[in-house]
Structure formats: C-alpha cells, structure tokens
Amino acid sequence: MKKYFFYLLAFFLLTSTGCGGLGGTSLAKPKPLSVGEMTGTGSIVFVDVEGGFYGIKTDQKEKLLPLNLPERFKDIGLPVIYRAKKADAMTIQMWGTPVELLELKTDQPEGPESFIAN
C-alpha cells in the first residue's frame, strides 16, 4: 500500500507541476512582454505586390509587416527571432499585421548583427 501511495504521489506531483525540472533550462531570462507585444520565430519573405516589400512569415504561418525592418535583414529566407508590438497604422500593402520591431536577431553564425529599437 505504501508503494502504491508513493507512486500515486510522485505521479500527481510531476503532472501538476508540468515536470518542472525535467525540461531544458535557459540561462538567459527572456524579457517580460508588455501589453500588445509578441515574440516568436519566422523567416524573411519578399512579397512582389505593390512594388514589392519585405515581411516576416512566422513559424505559425502568420504574416507580419514590419514597418522598421533594417536593411541588413532584407535577406529572403533568413530565419529570425523577433519581438514586436502591433503598430497602430494602415498600409497600402494589405498583407499581414503591421508591427514595429523592438528586437530582431538571427541564429545564423554569419547573419546580420542583432537589431534593438531605441
């Protein structure tokens, strides 16, 4: 009976805490997101409409239209990690959600330097 209780208790603790320490850990603490901010991964795309423009297609298949994409990141297919906030703007592109990039980086060893907005 004690053994059964022990297994039941261990199962309960692991499932109720999400297996706390069993996953990978990160030394870098992510910045907390403010209201309206989003973060994720995706890749740079070029959309050949209305004269052409660059955007970010997220890994969740969302389309983001960065209003302040630095030139050094305008590389089709470049994988990026972004932190952005929705922009209160209308555009003529009619593609994706307009966003203001707060931070943009890539994990490519020879990729562009990280971008952090002021």
N, C-alpha and C. Protein backbone atom coordinates (compact mmCIF):
# COMPACT_ATOMS: atom_id res chain seq x y z
N MET A 1 0.83 -1.20 0.00
CA MET A 1 0.00 0.00 0.00
C MET A 1 0.87 1.26 0.00
N LYS A 2 1.97 1.23 0.79
CA LYS A 2 2.85 2.38 0.83
C LYS A 2 3.47 2.65 -0.54
N LYS A 3 3.86 1.57 -1.23
CA LYS A 3 4.47 1.71 -2.55
C LYS A 3 3.47 2.33 -3.53
N TYR A 4 2.23 1.89 -3.48
CA TYR A 4 1.18 2.43 -4.36
C TYR A 4 0.98 3.92 -4.07
N PHE A 5 0.93 4.28 -2.80
CA PHE A 5 0.75 5.68 -2.41
C PHE A 5 1.93 6.53 -2.90
N PHE A 6 3.15 6.01 -2.77
CA PHE A 6 4.33 6.74 -3.23
C PHE A 6 4.25 7.01 -4.73
N TYR A 7 3.92 5.99 -5.52
CA TYR A 7 3.81 6.17 -6.97
C TYR A 7 2.70 7.16 -7.32
N LEU A 8 1.61 7.08 -6.64
CA LEU A 8 0.49 8.00 -6.88
C LEU A 8 0.89 9.44 -6.55
N LEU A 9 1.59 9.62 -5.44
CA LEU A 9 2.06 10.94 -5.04
C LEU A 9 3.07 11.49 -6.05
N ALA A 10 4.01 10.65 -6.48
CA ALA A 10 5.01 11.08 -7.46
C ALA A 10 4.32 11.46 -8.78
N PHE A 11 3.38 10.66 -9.22
CA PHE A 11 2.65 10.96 -10.46
C PHE A 11 1.91 12.28 -10.33
N PHE A 12 1.24 12.50 -9.22
CA PHE A 12 0.50 13.74 -9.00
C PHE A 12 1.42 14.95 -9.01
N LEU A 13 2.55 14.85 -8.32
CA LEU A 13 3.48 15.98 -8.26
C LEU A 13 4.07 16.30 -9.63
N LEU A 14 4.42 15.28 -10.38
CA LEU A 14 5.01 15.51 -11.70
C LEU A 14 4.00 16.09 -12.68
N THR A 15 2.79 15.60 -12.65
CA THR A 15 1.80 16.10 -13.61
C THR A 15 1.25 17.46 -13.21
N SER A 16 1.16 17.74 -11.93
CA SER A 16 0.61 19.03 -11.52
C SER A 16 1.61 20.16 -11.68
N THR A 17 2.90 19.85 -11.70
CA THR A 17 3.91 20.89 -11.87
C THR A 17 4.46 20.95 -13.27
N GLY A 18 3.94 20.12 -14.16
CA GLY A 18 4.43 20.13 -15.54
C GLY A 18 5.82 19.54 -15.63
N CYS A 19 6.19 18.66 -14.77
CA CYS A 19 7.51 18.04 -14.75
C CYS A 19 8.60 19.08 -14.56
N GLY A 20 8.31 20.11 -13.83
CA GLY A 20 9.19 21.22 -13.52
C GLY A 20 10.61 21.17 -14.03
N GLY A 21 11.48 20.43 -13.39
CA GLY A 21 12.89 20.47 -13.73
C GLY A 21 13.30 19.47 -14.78
N LEU A 22 12.41 18.77 -15.42
CA LEU A 22 12.81 17.76 -16.38
C LEU A 22 13.14 18.35 -17.74
N GLY A 23 12.65 19.55 -18.07
CA GLY A 23 12.92 20.14 -19.38
C GLY A 23 14.25 20.84 -19.41
N GLY A 24 14.62 21.35 -20.60
CA GLY A 24 15.87 22.09 -20.73
C GLY A 24 15.75 23.42 -20.03
N THR A 25 16.88 23.93 -19.60
CA THR A 25 16.87 25.22 -18.94
C THR A 25 17.64 26.22 -19.77
N SER A 26 17.30 27.46 -19.63
CA SER A 26 17.97 28.53 -20.35
C SER A 26 18.60 29.47 -19.33
N LEU A 27 19.84 29.87 -19.59
CA LEU A 27 20.50 30.79 -18.68
C LEU A 27 19.99 32.21 -18.86
N ALA A 28 19.62 32.55 -20.09
CA ALA A 28 19.13 33.90 -20.37
C ALA A 28 17.65 33.98 -20.02
N LYS A 29 17.31 34.97 -19.22
CA LYS A 29 15.91 35.15 -18.87
C LYS A 29 15.27 36.04 -19.92
N PRO A 30 14.15 35.59 -20.53
CA PRO A 30 13.50 36.43 -21.53
C PRO A 30 12.88 37.66 -20.88
N LYS A 31 12.86 38.76 -21.65
CA LYS A 31 12.22 39.97 -21.14
C LYS A 31 10.72 39.72 -21.04
N PRO A 32 10.08 40.20 -19.99
CA PRO A 32 8.63 40.06 -19.92
C PRO A 32 7.98 40.90 -21.02
N LEU A 33 6.92 40.39 -21.60
CA LEU A 33 6.24 41.10 -22.67
C LEU A 33 5.27 42.13 -22.10
N SER A 34 5.25 43.29 -22.72
CA SER A 34 4.29 44.32 -22.36
C SER A 34 2.99 44.05 -23.10
N VAL A 35 1.96 44.77 -22.76
CA VAL A 35 0.68 44.62 -23.43
C VAL A 35 0.84 44.93 -24.91
N GLY A 36 0.34 44.07 -25.76
CA GLY A 36 0.40 44.28 -27.21
C GLY A 36 1.67 43.77 -27.86
N GLU A 37 2.63 43.27 -27.07
CA GLU A 37 3.86 42.75 -27.64
C GLU A 37 3.71 41.28 -28.01
N MET A 38 4.53 40.87 -28.96
CA MET A 38 4.55 39.47 -29.39
C MET A 38 5.99 39.07 -29.64
N THR A 39 6.25 37.80 -29.54
CA THR A 39 7.58 37.28 -29.79
C THR A 39 7.44 35.94 -30.49
N GLY A 40 8.45 35.59 -31.26
CA GLY A 40 8.40 34.32 -31.96
C GLY A 40 9.54 34.18 -32.95
N THR A 41 9.40 33.18 -33.81
CA THR A 41 10.39 32.91 -34.83
C THR A 41 9.71 32.85 -36.18
N GLY A 42 10.48 33.08 -37.21
CA GLY A 42 9.95 33.04 -38.56
C GLY A 42 11.07 33.24 -39.56
N SER A 43 10.71 33.63 -40.77
CA SER A 43 11.73 33.90 -41.78
C SER A 43 11.31 35.10 -42.62
N ILE A 44 12.31 35.75 -43.18
CA ILE A 44 12.08 36.94 -44.01
C ILE A 44 11.57 36.49 -45.39
N VAL A 45 10.53 37.16 -45.86
CA VAL A 45 9.98 36.88 -47.18
C VAL A 45 9.91 38.19 -47.97
N PHE A 46 9.94 38.06 -49.29
CA PHE A 46 9.72 39.21 -50.16
C PHE A 46 8.40 39.00 -50.86
N VAL A 47 7.51 39.97 -50.77
CA VAL A 47 6.19 39.87 -51.38
C VAL A 47 6.19 40.81 -52.59
N ASP A 48 6.04 40.24 -53.77
CA ASP A 48 6.12 41.01 -55.01
C ASP A 48 4.75 41.56 -55.40
N VAL A 49 4.24 42.45 -54.56
CA VAL A 49 2.94 43.11 -54.79
C VAL A 49 3.13 44.59 -54.47
N GLU A 50 2.45 45.46 -55.19
CA GLU A 50 2.52 46.90 -54.92
C GLU A 50 3.96 47.41 -54.91
N GLY A 51 4.78 46.95 -55.84
CA GLY A 51 6.17 47.39 -55.90
C GLY A 51 7.12 46.53 -55.10
N GLY A 52 6.60 45.64 -54.29
CA GLY A 52 7.42 44.70 -53.51
C GLY A 52 7.78 45.25 -52.14
N PHE A 53 7.80 44.36 -51.17
CA PHE A 53 8.16 44.71 -49.80
C PHE A 53 8.57 43.45 -49.06
N TYR A 54 9.23 43.65 -47.93
CA TYR A 54 9.67 42.52 -47.11
C TYR A 54 8.74 42.35 -45.92
N GLY A 55 8.58 41.11 -45.51
CA GLY A 55 7.76 40.79 -44.35
C GLY A 55 8.37 39.62 -43.60
N ILE A 56 7.70 39.22 -42.56
CA ILE A 56 8.11 38.05 -41.77
C ILE A 56 6.96 37.06 -41.80
N LYS A 57 7.24 35.85 -42.23
CA LYS A 57 6.25 34.78 -42.15
C LYS A 57 6.65 33.94 -40.94
N THR A 58 5.79 33.93 -39.93
CA THR A 58 6.13 33.25 -38.68
C THR A 58 6.03 31.74 -38.86
N ASP A 59 6.60 31.03 -37.91
CA ASP A 59 6.53 29.57 -37.94
C ASP A 59 5.10 29.08 -37.74
N GLN A 60 4.22 29.95 -37.24
CA GLN A 60 2.80 29.61 -37.08
C GLN A 60 2.00 30.06 -38.30
N LYS A 61 2.69 30.41 -39.39
CA LYS A 61 2.08 30.81 -40.68
C LYS A 61 1.36 32.15 -40.62
N GLU A 62 1.69 32.98 -39.63
CA GLU A 62 1.15 34.33 -39.58
C GLU A 62 2.03 35.23 -40.43
N LYS A 63 1.47 36.33 -40.90
CA LYS A 63 2.21 37.28 -41.72
C LYS A 63 2.37 38.58 -40.94
N LEU A 64 3.62 39.02 -40.77
CA LEU A 64 3.90 40.27 -40.08
C LEU A 64 4.54 41.24 -41.07
N LEU A 65 4.09 42.47 -41.05
CA LEU A 65 4.62 43.52 -41.91
C LEU A 65 5.39 44.51 -41.05
N PRO A 66 6.71 44.30 -40.91
CA PRO A 66 7.50 45.21 -40.07
C PRO A 66 7.66 46.57 -40.73
N LEU A 67 7.33 47.62 -40.01
CA LEU A 67 7.44 48.98 -40.54
C LEU A 67 8.86 49.53 -40.40
N ASN A 68 9.70 48.87 -39.60
CA ASN A 68 11.06 49.35 -39.38
C ASN A 68 12.10 48.24 -39.56
N LEU A 69 11.95 47.42 -40.61
CA LEU A 69 12.90 46.34 -40.88
C LEU A 69 14.23 46.91 -41.36
N PRO A 70 15.32 46.68 -40.63
CA PRO A 70 16.62 47.20 -41.06
C PRO A 70 17.07 46.57 -42.39
N GLU A 71 17.79 47.34 -43.18
CA GLU A 71 18.27 46.87 -44.48
C GLU A 71 19.07 45.58 -44.36
N ARG A 72 19.87 45.46 -43.30
CA ARG A 72 20.74 44.29 -43.16
C ARG A 72 19.96 42.99 -42.98
N PHE A 73 18.67 43.07 -42.68
CA PHE A 73 17.85 41.88 -42.51
C PHE A 73 17.03 41.56 -43.77
N LYS A 74 17.15 42.35 -44.79
CA LYS A 74 16.38 42.11 -46.02
C LYS A 74 17.06 41.05 -46.87
N ASP A 75 16.99 39.83 -46.37
CA ASP A 75 17.62 38.67 -46.99
C ASP A 75 16.57 37.56 -47.03
N ILE A 76 16.03 37.26 -48.21
CA ILE A 76 14.94 36.31 -48.35
C ILE A 76 15.32 34.95 -47.77
N GLY A 77 14.45 34.44 -46.91
CA GLY A 77 14.65 33.13 -46.29
C GLY A 77 15.44 33.17 -44.99
N LEU A 78 15.94 34.34 -44.59
CA LEU A 78 16.72 34.46 -43.37
C LEU A 78 15.85 34.11 -42.16
N PRO A 79 16.24 33.11 -41.36
CA PRO A 79 15.47 32.79 -40.16
C PRO A 79 15.71 33.85 -39.10
N VAL A 80 14.64 34.31 -38.47
CA VAL A 80 14.75 35.38 -37.48
C VAL A 80 14.00 35.04 -36.20
N ILE A 81 14.42 35.69 -35.14
CA ILE A 81 13.74 35.65 -33.85
C ILE A 81 13.35 37.09 -33.58
N TYR A 82 12.07 37.33 -33.33
CA TYR A 82 11.61 38.71 -33.23
C TYR A 82 10.86 38.98 -31.94
N ARG A 83 10.85 40.25 -31.57
CA ARG A 83 9.98 40.77 -30.52
C ARG A 83 9.41 42.04 -31.11
N ALA A 84 8.10 42.15 -31.16
CA ALA A 84 7.46 43.27 -31.84
C ALA A 84 6.18 43.65 -31.11
N LYS A 85 5.67 44.82 -31.50
CA LYS A 85 4.35 45.21 -31.00
C LYS A 85 3.51 45.65 -32.19
N LYS A 86 2.22 45.40 -32.08
CA LYS A 86 1.32 45.80 -33.16
C LYS A 86 1.39 47.30 -33.35
N ALA A 87 1.47 47.70 -34.61
CA ALA A 87 1.53 49.12 -34.92
C ALA A 87 0.12 49.63 -35.19
N ASP A 88 -0.14 50.82 -34.71
CA ASP A 88 -1.43 51.45 -34.96
C ASP A 88 -1.30 52.21 -36.28
N ALA A 89 -1.31 51.45 -37.38
CA ALA A 89 -1.07 52.05 -38.69
C ALA A 89 -1.84 51.30 -39.77
N MET A 90 -2.12 52.01 -40.83
CA MET A 90 -2.72 51.39 -42.02
C MET A 90 -1.67 51.47 -43.12
N THR A 91 -1.62 50.44 -43.96
CA THR A 91 -0.64 50.43 -45.03
C THR A 91 -1.32 50.15 -46.36
N ILE A 92 -0.61 50.44 -47.45
CA ILE A 92 -1.17 50.14 -48.77
C ILE A 92 -0.90 48.69 -49.17
N GLN A 93 -0.04 48.00 -48.42
CA GLN A 93 0.32 46.63 -48.79
C GLN A 93 -0.83 45.65 -48.62
N MET A 94 -1.68 45.86 -47.65
CA MET A 94 -2.81 44.94 -47.38
C MET A 94 -2.33 43.50 -47.27
N TRP A 95 -1.24 43.32 -46.55
CA TRP A 95 -0.64 42.00 -46.33
C TRP A 95 -0.13 41.96 -44.91
N GLY A 96 -0.58 41.05 -44.14
CA GLY A 96 -0.05 40.86 -42.80
C GLY A 96 -0.47 41.92 -41.80
N THR A 97 0.01 41.75 -40.60
CA THR A 97 -0.26 42.66 -39.50
C THR A 97 0.90 43.65 -39.39
N PRO A 98 0.63 44.96 -39.50
CA PRO A 98 1.71 45.94 -39.34
C PRO A 98 2.26 45.88 -37.91
N VAL A 99 3.59 45.79 -37.80
CA VAL A 99 4.24 45.73 -36.49
C VAL A 99 5.45 46.65 -36.47
N GLU A 100 5.80 47.07 -35.27
CA GLU A 100 7.03 47.80 -35.03
C GLU A 100 7.97 46.83 -34.34
N LEU A 101 9.11 46.57 -34.95
CA LEU A 101 10.07 45.65 -34.37
C LEU A 101 10.76 46.29 -33.17
N LEU A 102 10.81 45.56 -32.07
CA LEU A 102 11.51 46.02 -30.88
C LEU A 102 12.88 45.36 -30.79
N GLU A 103 12.95 44.13 -31.29
CA GLU A 103 14.20 43.38 -31.30
C GLU A 103 14.13 42.36 -32.42
N LEU A 104 15.25 42.18 -33.11
CA LEU A 104 15.30 41.22 -34.22
C LEU A 104 16.70 40.65 -34.26
N LYS A 105 16.79 39.33 -34.33
CA LYS A 105 18.09 38.67 -34.43
C LYS A 105 17.94 37.37 -35.19
N THR A 106 19.07 36.82 -35.56
CA THR A 106 19.08 35.53 -36.25
C THR A 106 20.09 34.64 -35.54
N ASP A 107 19.88 33.34 -35.64
CA ASP A 107 20.85 32.42 -35.03
C ASP A 107 21.86 31.94 -36.05
N GLN A 108 21.85 32.54 -37.24
CA GLN A 108 22.81 32.20 -38.27
C GLN A 108 24.18 32.76 -37.87
N PRO A 109 25.25 31.93 -37.90
CA PRO A 109 26.56 32.41 -37.48
C PRO A 109 27.08 33.58 -38.32
N GLU A 110 26.74 33.61 -39.59
CA GLU A 110 27.22 34.68 -40.45
C GLU A 110 26.10 35.67 -40.80
N GLY A 111 25.06 35.67 -40.00
CA GLY A 111 23.92 36.57 -40.22
C GLY A 111 24.21 37.96 -39.75
N PRO A 112 23.27 38.86 -39.97
CA PRO A 112 23.45 40.27 -39.56
C PRO A 112 23.47 40.42 -38.04
N GLU A 113 24.04 41.53 -37.62
CA GLU A 113 24.06 41.88 -36.20
C GLU A 113 22.64 42.08 -35.69
N SER A 114 22.41 41.79 -34.44
CA SER A 114 21.08 41.97 -33.85
C SER A 114 20.63 43.42 -33.93
N PHE A 115 19.31 43.60 -33.99
CA PHE A 115 18.69 44.93 -34.02
C PHE A 115 17.87 45.08 -32.76
N ILE A 116 18.08 46.18 -32.04
CA ILE A 116 17.26 46.51 -30.86
C ILE A 116 16.81 47.96 -31.04
N ALA A 117 15.50 48.15 -31.05
CA ALA A 117 14.96 49.50 -31.22
C ALA A 117 15.21 50.33 -29.97
N ASN A 118 15.33 51.63 -30.17
CA ASN A 118 15.55 52.54 -29.03
C ASN A 118 14.29 52.74 -28.26
